[in-house]
């Protein structure tokens, strides 16, 4: 809890959190809220999926990758970078071990 030595911003934040936190937590953990959130997620998916499909087709028609393909390539590139870093670390460690053995 914030004492008198706490900065003003911290006291204000704690006060707002105390007043809003409980009712907000109760509202967001209710079954009605979760049901509405799930319906909203499904509705969003129903709208976004066809748009992504059409956009992907259009991008392919002009020779460009879709957003999903770019994301997949980024994931693959990140994995390759992690593997390369691990190989470099092993190489440096092997060189150190070889120097110490001499």
Protein backbone atom coordinates (compact mmCIF):
# COMPACT_ATOMS: atom_id res chain seq x y z
CA UNK A 1 0.00 0.00 0.00
CA UNK A 2 1.27 3.49 -0.78
CA UNK A 3 2.36 5.46 2.25
CA UNK A 4 2.72 9.22 2.68
CA UNK A 5 6.26 8.98 1.25
CA UNK A 6 4.95 7.55 -2.04
CA UNK A 7 4.98 9.81 -5.10
CA UNK A 8 1.74 11.53 -6.00
CA UNK A 9 1.31 9.50 -9.21
CA UNK A 10 1.55 6.26 -7.21
CA UNK A 11 -1.06 7.39 -4.70
CA UNK A 12 -3.41 8.47 -7.51
CA UNK A 13 -2.89 5.17 -9.33
CA UNK A 14 -3.53 3.15 -6.19
CA UNK A 15 -6.68 5.15 -5.45
CA UNK A 16 -8.07 4.62 -8.96
CA UNK A 17 -7.15 0.94 -8.86
CA UNK A 18 -8.87 0.52 -5.51
CA UNK A 19 -12.08 2.14 -6.78
CA UNK A 20 -12.20 0.56 -10.24
CA UNK A 21 -10.38 -2.75 -9.80
CA UNK A 22 -13.01 -4.69 -7.90
CA UNK A 23 -16.03 -3.85 -10.06
CA UNK A 24 -13.98 -4.28 -13.25
CA UNK A 25 -12.68 -7.70 -12.14
CA UNK A 26 -16.21 -8.78 -11.23
CA UNK A 27 -17.59 -7.64 -14.58
CA UNK A 28 -14.87 -9.24 -16.70
CA UNK A 29 -15.02 -12.57 -14.87
CA UNK A 30 -18.80 -12.88 -15.26
CA UNK A 31 -20.20 -15.57 -17.54
CA UNK A 32 -22.13 -12.93 -19.49
CA UNK A 33 -18.95 -11.01 -20.28
CA UNK A 34 -17.09 -14.14 -21.31
CA UNK A 35 -19.99 -15.26 -23.49
CA UNK A 36 -20.15 -11.85 -25.17
CA UNK A 37 -16.37 -11.86 -25.69
CA UNK A 38 -16.54 -15.29 -27.31
CA UNK A 39 -19.38 -14.22 -29.62
CA UNK A 40 -17.47 -11.08 -30.56
CA UNK A 41 -14.35 -13.14 -31.31
CA UNK A 42 -16.36 -15.50 -33.53
CA UNK A 43 -18.03 -12.59 -35.34
CA UNK A 44 -14.66 -10.92 -35.91
CA UNK A 45 -13.25 -14.17 -37.27
CA UNK A 46 -16.24 -14.59 -39.58
CA UNK A 47 -15.60 -11.13 -41.02
CA UNK A 48 -11.80 -11.13 -41.08
CA UNK A 49 -11.21 -14.61 -42.57
CA UNK A 50 -12.89 -13.91 -45.92
CA UNK A 51 -11.20 -10.52 -46.17
CA UNK A 52 -7.79 -12.10 -45.54
CA UNK A 53 -8.55 -14.74 -48.13
CA UNK A 54 -9.47 -12.19 -50.79
CA UNK A 55 -6.53 -9.97 -49.86
CA UNK A 56 -4.15 -12.93 -50.04
CA UNK A 57 -5.50 -13.88 -53.46
CA UNK A 58 -5.11 -10.30 -54.68
CA UNK A 59 -1.56 -10.06 -53.35
CA UNK A 60 -0.64 -13.36 -55.01
CA UNK A 61 -2.13 -12.11 -58.27
CA UNK A 62 0.42 -9.27 -58.32
CA UNK A 63 3.26 -11.45 -57.04
CA UNK A 64 3.35 -10.36 -53.39
CA UNK A 65 3.22 -12.53 -50.27
CA UNK A 66 0.25 -12.41 -47.92
CA UNK A 67 0.46 -11.20 -44.33
CA UNK A 68 0.25 -14.78 -43.07
CA UNK A 69 3.13 -15.85 -45.32
CA UNK A 70 5.28 -12.96 -44.13
CA UNK A 71 4.57 -13.90 -40.50
CA UNK A 72 5.51 -17.53 -41.20
CA UNK A 73 8.74 -16.46 -42.89
CA UNK A 74 9.59 -14.24 -39.91
CA UNK A 75 9.05 -17.17 -37.53
CA UNK A 76 11.28 -19.38 -39.67
CA UNK A 77 13.95 -16.67 -39.90
CA UNK A 78 13.90 -16.19 -36.13
CA UNK A 79 14.37 -19.94 -35.67
CA UNK A 80 17.33 -19.95 -38.07
CA UNK A 81 18.84 -16.98 -36.24
CA UNK A 82 18.49 -18.77 -32.89
CA UNK A 83 20.15 -21.87 -34.33
CA UNK A 84 23.00 -19.81 -35.80
CA UNK A 85 23.54 -18.08 -32.47
CA UNK A 86 23.69 -21.42 -30.70
CA UNK A 87 26.24 -22.70 -33.24
CA UNK A 88 28.36 -19.55 -32.80
CA UNK A 89 28.29 -19.95 -29.01
CA UNK A 90 29.35 -23.59 -29.31
CA UNK A 91 32.17 -22.57 -31.68
CA UNK A 92 33.43 -19.87 -29.33
CA UNK A 93 33.29 -22.29 -26.40
CA UNK A 94 35.18 -24.94 -28.40
CA UNK A 95 37.88 -22.36 -29.26
CA UNK A 96 38.21 -21.39 -25.59
CA UNK A 97 38.45 -25.03 -24.58
CA UNK A 98 41.12 -25.63 -27.23
CA UNK A 99 43.12 -22.60 -26.04
CA UNK A 100 42.96 -23.76 -22.43
CA UNK A 101 44.09 -27.25 -23.42
CA UNK A 102 47.27 -25.88 -25.06
